[in-house]
């Protein structure tokens, strides 16, 4: 059964906005993080990581030296591991849905990030996130897992994609709750 629902599409197509809409619509216990652009003077200067419980950190910036570097951005792997990875781990332990926006080159520079995403899925969690469109060995292997469904964000059917994604996540959470209830009944 599918438990990870990932949106893909070119940069700037609205993946994060769509994920935020789905999380707001579902009113489920969600944890994890989003990323958003840091803009200055109309120019993108970097990316900020925002957890669903209000923590934040600069993930990447043109002002960071790196390594690693992704394009013109230096990536602060320590910030990701200090703020983003714990948000994923906490969500996997206690939330209905683990939000991971995004599984991208910057985030995949962290081995701990990759482990946290895999561990959440292996633990039976429902994942909602976005994933880079470009080929990447780890991301491609993750997308190929039988529990993962990747949806392409098509601007012409944005509303349909949102509705489908919300229904899939709702069904996943309900199935997980039923399974936990059945397991608890068998043990008690």
N, C-alpha and C. Protein backbone atom coordinates (compact mmCIF):
# COMPACT_ATOMS: atom_id res chain seq x y z
N UNK A 1 0.83 -1.19 0.00
CA UNK A 1 0.00 0.00 0.00
C UNK A 1 0.87 1.25 0.00
N UNK A 2 0.41 2.25 -0.68
CA UNK A 2 1.14 3.52 -0.76
C UNK A 2 1.04 4.26 0.58
N UNK A 3 2.19 4.78 1.03
CA UNK A 3 2.24 5.55 2.28
C UNK A 3 3.00 6.86 2.13
N UNK A 4 3.68 7.02 1.02
CA UNK A 4 4.42 8.27 0.78
C UNK A 4 3.89 8.87 -0.50
N UNK A 5 3.48 10.12 -0.40
CA UNK A 5 2.86 10.81 -1.53
C UNK A 5 3.70 12.05 -1.81
N UNK A 6 4.40 12.03 -2.93
CA UNK A 6 5.37 13.07 -3.26
C UNK A 6 4.97 13.81 -4.52
N UNK A 7 4.99 15.13 -4.45
CA UNK A 7 4.72 15.99 -5.60
C UNK A 7 6.05 16.32 -6.25
N UNK A 8 6.07 16.31 -7.56
CA UNK A 8 7.26 16.73 -8.29
C UNK A 8 6.85 17.71 -9.38
N UNK A 9 7.81 18.45 -9.83
CA UNK A 9 7.58 19.44 -10.88
C UNK A 9 8.73 20.41 -10.90
N UNK A 10 8.77 21.26 -11.91
CA UNK A 10 9.89 22.20 -12.01
C UNK A 10 9.89 23.21 -10.86
N UNK A 11 11.05 23.79 -10.55
CA UNK A 11 11.12 24.81 -9.50
C UNK A 11 10.11 25.94 -9.77
N UNK A 12 9.47 26.38 -8.69
CA UNK A 12 8.55 27.50 -8.81
C UNK A 12 7.15 27.16 -9.30
N UNK A 13 6.83 25.87 -9.42
CA UNK A 13 5.51 25.50 -9.95
C UNK A 13 4.43 25.46 -8.87
N UNK A 14 4.81 25.63 -7.61
CA UNK A 14 3.82 25.69 -6.54
C UNK A 14 3.70 24.45 -5.68
N UNK A 15 4.74 23.64 -5.63
CA UNK A 15 4.70 22.41 -4.83
C UNK A 15 4.46 22.70 -3.35
N UNK A 16 5.23 23.61 -2.80
CA UNK A 16 5.11 23.93 -1.37
C UNK A 16 3.73 24.50 -1.06
N UNK A 17 3.25 25.38 -1.90
CA UNK A 17 1.91 25.96 -1.70
C UNK A 17 0.86 24.86 -1.67
N UNK A 18 0.96 23.92 -2.60
CA UNK A 18 0.00 22.82 -2.65
C UNK A 18 0.08 21.97 -1.39
N UNK A 19 1.29 21.67 -0.93
CA UNK A 19 1.44 20.87 0.29
C UNK A 19 0.83 21.59 1.49
N UNK A 20 1.08 22.89 1.60
CA UNK A 20 0.50 23.66 2.71
C UNK A 20 -1.03 23.62 2.67
N UNK A 21 -1.60 23.70 1.47
CA UNK A 21 -3.06 23.65 1.33
C UNK A 21 -3.60 22.31 1.79
N UNK A 22 -2.94 21.23 1.40
CA UNK A 22 -3.40 19.89 1.78
C UNK A 22 -3.32 19.71 3.29
N UNK A 23 -2.21 20.12 3.90
CA UNK A 23 -2.07 19.98 5.36
C UNK A 23 -3.14 20.79 6.08
N UNK A 24 -3.39 22.01 5.62
CA UNK A 24 -4.42 22.86 6.26
C UNK A 24 -5.81 22.24 6.10
N UNK A 25 -6.08 21.70 4.93
CA UNK A 25 -7.40 21.12 4.66
C UNK A 25 -7.67 19.88 5.50
N UNK A 26 -6.66 19.07 5.72
CA UNK A 26 -6.86 17.79 6.40
C UNK A 26 -7.03 17.92 7.91
N UNK A 27 -6.50 18.95 8.50
CA UNK A 27 -6.60 19.15 9.95
C UNK A 27 -6.16 17.90 10.72
N UNK A 28 -5.03 17.34 10.31
CA UNK A 28 -4.45 16.19 11.00
C UNK A 28 -3.23 16.65 11.78
N UNK A 29 -2.79 15.81 12.70
CA UNK A 29 -1.53 16.11 13.39
C UNK A 29 -0.41 15.91 12.38
N UNK A 30 0.23 17.00 12.04
CA UNK A 30 1.31 16.94 11.06
C UNK A 30 2.57 17.54 11.66
N UNK A 31 3.70 17.01 11.27
CA UNK A 31 4.99 17.53 11.69
C UNK A 31 5.96 17.40 10.55
N UNK A 32 7.10 18.02 10.69
CA UNK A 32 8.09 18.01 9.64
C UNK A 32 8.45 19.43 9.29
N UNK A 33 8.75 19.65 8.01
CA UNK A 33 9.14 21.01 7.61
C UNK A 33 8.81 21.33 6.17
N UNK A 34 8.77 22.64 5.92
CA UNK A 34 8.66 23.21 4.58
C UNK A 34 9.94 23.99 4.31
N UNK A 35 10.20 24.26 3.05
CA UNK A 35 11.26 25.19 2.69
C UNK A 35 10.62 26.36 1.94
N UNK A 36 11.23 27.52 2.10
CA UNK A 36 10.75 28.69 1.37
C UNK A 36 11.94 29.53 0.95
N UNK A 37 11.73 30.28 -0.09
CA UNK A 37 12.79 31.15 -0.61
C UNK A 37 13.07 32.29 0.36
N UNK A 38 14.32 32.70 0.39
CA UNK A 38 14.72 33.95 1.05
C UNK A 38 14.98 34.92 -0.09
N UNK A 39 14.21 35.99 -0.13
CA UNK A 39 14.33 36.97 -1.22
C UNK A 39 14.78 38.30 -0.65
N UNK A 40 15.57 38.99 -1.45
CA UNK A 40 16.06 40.31 -1.06
C UNK A 40 16.17 41.14 -2.33
N UNK A 41 15.50 42.28 -2.34
CA UNK A 41 15.55 43.13 -3.52
C UNK A 41 15.05 42.45 -4.77
N UNK A 42 14.04 41.58 -4.62
CA UNK A 42 13.48 40.87 -5.77
C UNK A 42 14.32 39.70 -6.26
N UNK A 43 15.41 39.41 -5.58
CA UNK A 43 16.31 38.32 -5.99
C UNK A 43 16.27 37.20 -4.96
N UNK A 44 16.31 35.96 -5.43
CA UNK A 44 16.39 34.82 -4.51
C UNK A 44 17.81 34.73 -3.98
N UNK A 45 17.93 34.77 -2.64
CA UNK A 45 19.24 34.75 -2.00
C UNK A 45 19.52 33.44 -1.29
N UNK A 46 18.48 32.63 -1.11
CA UNK A 46 18.68 31.37 -0.41
C UNK A 46 17.36 30.70 -0.08
N UNK A 47 17.44 29.77 0.88
CA UNK A 47 16.27 29.00 1.29
C UNK A 47 16.24 28.85 2.80
N UNK A 48 15.05 28.98 3.34
CA UNK A 48 14.83 28.84 4.78
C UNK A 48 14.03 27.56 5.01
N UNK A 49 14.35 26.91 6.08
CA UNK A 49 13.63 25.72 6.51
C UNK A 49 12.71 26.14 7.66
N UNK A 50 11.42 25.81 7.56
CA UNK A 50 10.43 26.15 8.58
C UNK A 50 9.74 24.89 9.05
N UNK A 51 9.84 24.59 10.34
CA UNK A 51 9.15 23.41 10.85
C UNK A 51 7.68 23.76 11.08
N UNK A 52 6.85 22.75 11.12
CA UNK A 52 5.43 22.99 11.34
C UNK A 52 5.14 23.47 12.76
N UNK A 53 6.10 23.30 13.67
CA UNK A 53 5.90 23.81 15.03
C UNK A 53 6.63 25.13 15.28
N UNK A 54 7.10 25.78 14.20
CA UNK A 54 7.59 27.14 14.32
C UNK A 54 9.09 27.36 14.40
N UNK A 55 9.89 26.31 14.36
CA UNK A 55 11.34 26.51 14.36
C UNK A 55 11.79 26.84 12.94
N UNK A 56 12.91 27.53 12.81
CA UNK A 56 13.41 27.83 11.48
C UNK A 56 14.93 27.92 11.48
N UNK A 57 15.48 27.77 10.28
CA UNK A 57 16.92 27.86 10.07
C UNK A 57 17.17 28.18 8.61
N UNK A 58 18.29 28.81 8.34
CA UNK A 58 18.71 29.04 6.95
C UNK A 58 19.32 27.74 6.45
N UNK A 59 18.74 27.19 5.41
CA UNK A 59 19.23 25.95 4.81
C UNK A 59 20.36 26.22 3.84
N UNK A 60 20.19 27.26 3.02
CA UNK A 60 21.19 27.56 1.98
C UNK A 60 21.13 29.04 1.66
N UNK A 61 22.30 29.56 1.25
CA UNK A 61 22.37 30.98 0.94
C UNK A 61 23.53 31.23 -0.01
N UNK A 62 23.39 32.29 -0.81
CA UNK A 62 24.51 32.71 -1.65
C UNK A 62 25.65 33.23 -0.78
N UNK A 63 25.35 33.58 0.46
CA UNK A 63 26.36 34.12 1.38
C UNK A 63 27.10 33.05 2.16
N UNK A 64 26.66 31.79 2.06
CA UNK A 64 27.35 30.70 2.74
C UNK A 64 28.40 30.10 1.80
N UNK A 65 29.55 29.80 2.36
CA UNK A 65 30.63 29.25 1.54
C UNK A 65 30.41 27.78 1.18
N UNK A 66 29.74 27.04 2.07
CA UNK A 66 29.68 25.60 1.88
C UNK A 66 31.02 25.01 2.29
N UNK A 67 31.43 23.84 1.94
CA UNK A 67 30.64 22.89 1.18
C UNK A 67 29.54 22.29 2.04
N UNK A 68 28.60 21.64 1.41
CA UNK A 68 28.47 21.49 -0.02
C UNK A 68 27.88 22.73 -0.66
N UNK A 69 27.95 22.76 -1.97
CA UNK A 69 27.33 23.82 -2.75
C UNK A 69 26.37 23.16 -3.73
N UNK A 70 25.23 23.81 -3.90
CA UNK A 70 24.27 23.41 -4.91
C UNK A 70 24.01 24.66 -5.74
N UNK A 71 24.53 24.63 -6.96
CA UNK A 71 24.46 25.83 -7.79
C UNK A 71 25.22 26.95 -7.10
N UNK A 72 24.58 28.09 -6.97
CA UNK A 72 25.25 29.25 -6.36
C UNK A 72 25.09 29.31 -4.85
N UNK A 73 24.45 28.29 -4.27
CA UNK A 73 24.14 28.30 -2.85
C UNK A 73 25.06 27.41 -2.04
N UNK A 74 25.56 27.95 -0.93
CA UNK A 74 26.22 27.13 0.07
C UNK A 74 25.14 26.53 0.96
N UNK A 75 25.26 25.26 1.29
CA UNK A 75 24.25 24.56 2.08
C UNK A 75 24.76 24.37 3.51
N UNK A 76 23.92 24.71 4.47
CA UNK A 76 24.25 24.54 5.89
C UNK A 76 23.66 23.21 6.36
N UNK A 77 24.42 22.14 6.17
CA UNK A 77 23.97 20.80 6.54
C UNK A 77 23.73 20.73 8.05
N UNK A 78 24.57 21.40 8.83
CA UNK A 78 24.41 21.39 10.29
C UNK A 78 23.06 21.98 10.69
N UNK A 79 22.63 23.04 10.03
CA UNK A 79 21.32 23.64 10.34
C UNK A 79 20.19 22.67 10.01
N UNK A 80 20.30 21.99 8.89
CA UNK A 80 19.30 20.98 8.52
C UNK A 80 19.24 19.89 9.58
N UNK A 81 20.39 19.45 10.03
CA UNK A 81 20.44 18.37 11.01
C UNK A 81 20.05 18.84 12.41
N UNK A 82 20.18 20.10 12.68
CA UNK A 82 19.81 20.67 13.99
C UNK A 82 18.31 20.96 14.08
N UNK A 83 17.69 21.34 12.96
CA UNK A 83 16.28 21.75 12.97
C UNK A 83 15.39 20.81 12.15
N UNK A 84 15.75 20.54 10.92
CA UNK A 84 14.89 19.76 10.03
C UNK A 84 14.82 18.28 10.36
N UNK A 85 15.95 17.67 10.60
CA UNK A 85 15.96 16.23 10.87
C UNK A 85 15.19 15.91 12.16
N UNK A 86 15.43 16.64 13.26
CA UNK A 86 14.62 16.36 14.46
C UNK A 86 13.12 16.56 14.21
N UNK A 87 12.75 17.53 13.40
CA UNK A 87 11.33 17.74 13.09
C UNK A 87 10.75 16.50 12.40
N UNK A 88 11.51 15.89 11.51
CA UNK A 88 11.05 14.67 10.84
C UNK A 88 10.96 13.51 11.82
N UNK A 89 11.98 13.37 12.67
CA UNK A 89 11.99 12.28 13.65
C UNK A 89 10.85 12.42 14.65
N UNK A 90 10.61 13.63 15.13
CA UNK A 90 9.51 13.87 16.07
C UNK A 90 8.16 13.57 15.41
N UNK A 91 8.01 13.98 14.16
CA UNK A 91 6.76 13.73 13.44
C UNK A 91 6.54 12.23 13.25
N UNK A 92 7.61 11.52 12.92
CA UNK A 92 7.49 10.07 12.72
C UNK A 92 7.04 9.37 14.00
N UNK A 93 7.42 9.92 15.15
CA UNK A 93 7.09 9.32 16.42
C UNK A 93 5.67 9.65 16.90
N UNK A 94 5.13 10.82 16.48
CA UNK A 94 3.88 11.24 17.12
C UNK A 94 2.82 11.84 16.21
N UNK A 95 3.13 12.15 14.97
CA UNK A 95 2.16 12.82 14.10
C UNK A 95 1.42 11.83 13.21
N UNK A 96 0.31 12.28 12.65
CA UNK A 96 -0.41 11.48 11.67
C UNK A 96 0.31 11.50 10.32
N UNK A 97 0.91 12.65 10.01
CA UNK A 97 1.55 12.85 8.71
C UNK A 97 2.91 13.49 8.91
N UNK A 98 3.91 12.95 8.21
CA UNK A 98 5.25 13.52 8.21
C UNK A 98 5.38 14.34 6.93
N UNK A 99 5.59 15.65 7.08
CA UNK A 99 5.72 16.55 5.93
C UNK A 99 7.20 16.78 5.66
N UNK A 100 7.61 16.52 4.43
CA UNK A 100 9.01 16.71 4.05
C UNK A 100 9.07 17.47 2.72
N UNK A 101 9.27 18.77 2.86
CA UNK A 101 9.34 19.66 1.69
C UNK A 101 10.69 20.37 1.74
N UNK A 102 11.65 19.87 1.12
CA UNK A 102 11.54 18.92 0.05
C UNK A 102 12.65 17.91 0.09
N UNK A 103 12.51 16.88 -0.73
CA UNK A 103 13.60 15.94 -0.93
C UNK A 103 14.33 16.46 -2.16
N UNK A 104 15.32 17.29 -1.91
CA UNK A 104 16.06 17.96 -2.98
C UNK A 104 17.56 17.79 -2.79
N UNK A 105 18.32 18.32 -3.71
CA UNK A 105 19.79 18.17 -3.66
C UNK A 105 20.37 18.74 -2.37
N UNK A 106 19.83 19.87 -1.92
CA UNK A 106 20.37 20.48 -0.70
C UNK A 106 20.14 19.58 0.50
N UNK A 107 18.93 19.08 0.64
CA UNK A 107 18.60 18.22 1.78
C UNK A 107 19.34 16.88 1.69
N UNK A 108 19.46 16.34 0.50
CA UNK A 108 20.10 15.03 0.35
C UNK A 108 21.61 15.08 0.59
N UNK A 109 22.17 16.27 0.78
CA UNK A 109 23.58 16.38 1.16
C UNK A 109 23.80 15.84 2.58
N UNK A 110 22.71 15.66 3.32
CA UNK A 110 22.78 15.15 4.69
C UNK A 110 22.41 13.68 4.73
N UNK A 111 23.34 12.87 5.19
CA UNK A 111 23.06 11.44 5.38
C UNK A 111 21.97 11.26 6.44
N UNK A 112 21.99 12.08 7.50
CA UNK A 112 20.98 11.98 8.56
C UNK A 112 19.58 12.30 8.01
N UNK A 113 19.49 13.25 7.09
CA UNK A 113 18.20 13.56 6.46
C UNK A 113 17.68 12.34 5.70
N UNK A 114 18.53 11.76 4.87
CA UNK A 114 18.11 10.59 4.10
C UNK A 114 17.66 9.46 5.02
N UNK A 115 18.41 9.25 6.10
CA UNK A 115 18.05 8.21 7.07
C UNK A 115 16.70 8.50 7.71
N UNK A 116 16.45 9.75 8.08
CA UNK A 116 15.19 10.12 8.74
C UNK A 116 14.00 9.87 7.81
N UNK A 117 14.14 10.20 6.54
CA UNK A 117 13.06 9.98 5.58
C UNK A 117 12.80 8.48 5.40
N UNK A 118 13.87 7.71 5.24
CA UNK A 118 13.72 6.26 5.08
C UNK A 118 13.13 5.63 6.34
N UNK A 119 13.60 6.06 7.51
CA UNK A 119 13.11 5.51 8.77
C UNK A 119 11.62 5.78 8.97
N UNK A 120 11.18 6.98 8.61
CA UNK A 120 9.76 7.31 8.75
C UNK A 120 8.91 6.39 7.87
N UNK A 121 9.35 6.16 6.65
CA UNK A 121 8.59 5.29 5.77
C UNK A 121 8.65 3.84 6.26
N UNK A 122 9.82 3.39 6.69
CA UNK A 122 9.97 2.02 7.19
C UNK A 122 9.12 1.78 8.44
N UNK A 123 8.87 2.84 9.22
CA UNK A 123 8.07 2.72 10.44
C UNK A 123 6.57 2.72 10.16
N UNK A 124 6.19 2.86 8.89
CA UNK A 124 4.77 2.82 8.54
C UNK A 124 4.09 4.17 8.53
N UNK A 125 4.87 5.24 8.66
CA UNK A 125 4.29 6.59 8.68
C UNK A 125 3.72 6.96 7.31
N UNK A 126 2.77 7.89 7.34
CA UNK A 126 2.26 8.50 6.11
C UNK A 126 3.12 9.73 5.84
N UNK A 127 3.72 9.79 4.66
CA UNK A 127 4.57 10.91 4.29
C UNK A 127 3.88 11.74 3.22
N UNK A 128 4.03 13.04 3.33
CA UNK A 128 3.54 13.97 2.33
C UNK A 128 4.69 14.91 2.04
N UNK A 129 5.06 15.03 0.77
CA UNK A 129 6.20 15.88 0.48
C UNK A 129 6.36 16.21 -0.97
N UNK A 130 7.51 16.79 -1.24
CA UNK A 130 7.88 17.10 -2.61
C UNK A 130 9.26 16.52 -2.86
N UNK A 131 9.52 16.24 -4.12
CA UNK A 131 10.79 15.63 -4.49
C UNK A 131 11.27 16.26 -5.80
N UNK A 132 12.59 16.37 -5.90
CA UNK A 132 13.13 16.99 -7.10
C UNK A 132 12.77 16.20 -8.35
N UNK A 133 12.64 16.92 -9.44
CA UNK A 133 12.28 16.34 -10.72
C UNK A 133 13.49 15.71 -11.40
N UNK A 134 14.66 16.34 -11.24
CA UNK A 134 15.88 15.88 -11.89
C UNK A 134 16.32 14.52 -11.34
N UNK A 135 17.04 13.75 -12.15
CA UNK A 135 17.54 12.46 -11.67
C UNK A 135 18.55 12.64 -10.53
N UNK A 136 18.48 11.74 -9.58
CA UNK A 136 19.44 11.68 -8.47
C UNK A 136 19.40 10.25 -7.96
N UNK A 137 20.54 9.60 -7.77
CA UNK A 137 20.54 8.17 -7.41
C UNK A 137 19.70 7.83 -6.17
N UNK A 138 19.89 8.56 -5.06
CA UNK A 138 19.14 8.24 -3.85
C UNK A 138 17.65 8.55 -4.04
N UNK A 139 17.34 9.72 -4.58
CA UNK A 139 15.94 10.10 -4.77
C UNK A 139 15.25 9.14 -5.73
N UNK A 140 15.93 8.75 -6.78
CA UNK A 140 15.32 7.82 -7.75
C UNK A 140 15.02 6.47 -7.08
N UNK A 141 15.94 5.99 -6.24
CA UNK A 141 15.70 4.73 -5.53
C UNK A 141 14.53 4.87 -4.56
N UNK A 142 14.44 6.01 -3.88
CA UNK A 142 13.34 6.24 -2.94
C UNK A 142 12.01 6.30 -3.69
N UNK A 143 11.99 7.03 -4.80
CA UNK A 143 10.76 7.16 -5.58
C UNK A 143 10.30 5.81 -6.13
N UNK A 144 11.24 4.88 -6.33
CA UNK A 144 10.92 3.58 -6.90
C UNK A 144 10.40 2.58 -5.86
N UNK A 145 10.46 2.94 -4.59
CA UNK A 145 9.97 2.03 -3.56
C UNK A 145 8.47 1.79 -3.76
N UNK A 146 7.99 0.58 -3.46
CA UNK A 146 6.59 0.26 -3.70
C UNK A 146 5.61 1.07 -2.86
N UNK A 147 6.06 1.63 -1.73
CA UNK A 147 5.17 2.40 -0.85
C UNK A 147 5.03 3.85 -1.30
N UNK A 148 5.77 4.24 -2.34
CA UNK A 148 5.85 5.65 -2.75
C UNK A 148 5.04 5.89 -4.02
N UNK A 149 4.25 6.96 -4.00
CA UNK A 149 3.53 7.41 -5.19
C UNK A 149 3.99 8.83 -5.50
N UNK A 150 4.44 9.04 -6.73
CA UNK A 150 4.90 10.36 -7.16
C UNK A 150 3.86 10.94 -8.11
N UNK A 151 3.42 12.16 -7.80
CA UNK A 151 2.46 12.86 -8.64
C UNK A 151 3.12 14.09 -9.24
N UNK A 152 2.97 14.28 -10.53
CA UNK A 152 3.50 15.48 -11.18
C UNK A 152 2.50 16.61 -11.04
N UNK A 153 2.98 17.77 -10.63
CA UNK A 153 2.11 18.93 -10.49
C UNK A 153 1.93 19.58 -11.85
N UNK A 154 0.71 19.54 -12.32
CA UNK A 154 0.36 20.10 -13.62
C UNK A 154 -0.50 21.34 -13.36
N UNK A 155 -0.04 22.53 -13.72
CA UNK A 155 -0.81 23.74 -13.43
C UNK A 155 -2.24 23.70 -13.97
N UNK A 156 -2.48 22.98 -15.05
CA UNK A 156 -3.83 22.90 -15.61
C UNK A 156 -4.77 22.07 -14.73
N UNK A 157 -4.22 21.19 -13.91
CA UNK A 157 -5.07 20.36 -13.05
C UNK A 157 -4.62 20.46 -11.60
N UNK A 158 -4.24 21.65 -11.19
CA UNK A 158 -3.76 21.89 -9.84
C UNK A 158 -4.81 21.49 -8.79
N UNK A 159 -6.06 21.89 -9.01
CA UNK A 159 -7.13 21.59 -8.06
C UNK A 159 -7.37 20.09 -7.97
N UNK A 160 -7.35 19.42 -9.10
CA UNK A 160 -7.53 17.96 -9.11
C UNK A 160 -6.40 17.25 -8.38
N UNK A 161 -5.19 17.74 -8.55
CA UNK A 161 -4.04 17.16 -7.86
C UNK A 161 -4.18 17.36 -6.35
N UNK A 162 -4.60 18.55 -5.94
CA UNK A 162 -4.78 18.84 -4.51
C UNK A 162 -5.83 17.91 -3.92
N UNK A 163 -6.95 17.76 -4.61
CA UNK A 163 -8.03 16.89 -4.12
C UNK A 163 -7.57 15.44 -4.03
N UNK A 164 -6.87 14.98 -5.05
CA UNK A 164 -6.40 13.59 -5.05
C UNK A 164 -5.40 13.36 -3.92
N UNK A 165 -4.48 14.30 -3.75
CA UNK A 165 -3.47 14.19 -2.71
C UNK A 165 -4.12 14.17 -1.32
N UNK A 166 -5.07 15.05 -1.09
CA UNK A 166 -5.77 15.09 0.20
C UNK A 166 -6.48 13.76 0.46
N UNK A 167 -7.14 13.21 -0.54
CA UNK A 167 -7.86 11.94 -0.38
C UNK A 167 -6.88 10.80 -0.09
N UNK A 168 -5.76 10.77 -0.77
CA UNK A 168 -4.76 9.71 -0.55
C UNK A 168 -4.18 9.77 0.85
N UNK A 169 -3.85 10.96 1.32
CA UNK A 169 -3.27 11.11 2.66
C UNK A 169 -4.31 10.75 3.71
N UNK A 170 -5.54 11.22 3.54
CA UNK A 170 -6.62 10.91 4.49
C UNK A 170 -6.80 9.40 4.59
N UNK A 171 -6.85 8.72 3.45
CA UNK A 171 -7.01 7.27 3.43
C UNK A 171 -5.83 6.57 4.11
N UNK A 172 -4.62 7.05 3.87
CA UNK A 172 -3.42 6.47 4.49
C UNK A 172 -3.49 6.59 6.01
N UNK A 173 -3.85 7.76 6.51
CA UNK A 173 -3.93 7.99 7.95
C UNK A 173 -5.02 7.12 8.56
N UNK A 174 -6.17 7.05 7.92
CA UNK A 174 -7.26 6.22 8.45
C UNK A 174 -6.87 4.74 8.48
N UNK A 175 -6.21 4.27 7.42
CA UNK A 175 -5.75 2.88 7.36
C UNK A 175 -4.74 2.60 8.48
N UNK A 176 -3.83 3.54 8.71
CA UNK A 176 -2.82 3.38 9.76
C UNK A 176 -3.49 3.34 11.14
N UNK A 177 -4.48 4.18 11.36
CA UNK A 177 -5.19 4.19 12.65
C UNK A 177 -5.92 2.86 12.86
N UNK A 178 -6.57 2.36 11.80
CA UNK A 178 -7.27 1.08 11.91
C UNK A 178 -6.29 -0.05 12.24
N UNK A 179 -5.14 -0.05 11.56
CA UNK A 179 -4.14 -1.08 11.79
C UNK A 179 -3.60 -1.04 13.22
N UNK A 180 -3.36 0.17 13.72
CA UNK A 180 -2.89 0.33 15.10
C UNK A 180 -3.94 -0.16 16.09
N UNK A 181 -5.21 0.18 15.79
CA UNK A 181 -6.31 -0.26 16.65
C UNK A 181 -6.43 -1.77 16.67
N UNK A 182 -6.30 -2.40 15.50
CA UNK A 182 -6.38 -3.87 15.43
C UNK A 182 -5.22 -4.52 16.16
N UNK A 183 -4.04 -3.94 16.04
CA UNK A 183 -2.86 -4.47 16.73
C UNK A 183 -3.03 -4.34 18.24
N UNK A 184 -3.55 -3.21 18.70
CA UNK A 184 -3.77 -2.99 20.12
C UNK A 184 -4.82 -3.97 20.66
N UNK A 185 -5.89 -4.23 19.88
CA UNK A 185 -6.94 -5.14 20.30
C UNK A 185 -6.41 -6.57 20.42
N UNK A 186 -5.51 -6.96 19.50
CA UNK A 186 -4.95 -8.30 19.54
C UNK A 186 -4.01 -8.47 20.74
N UNK A 187 -3.31 -7.39 21.09
CA UNK A 187 -2.36 -7.47 22.19
C UNK A 187 -3.03 -7.38 23.54
N UNK A 188 -4.26 -6.85 23.60
CA UNK A 188 -4.91 -6.63 24.90
C UNK A 188 -5.95 -7.59 25.11
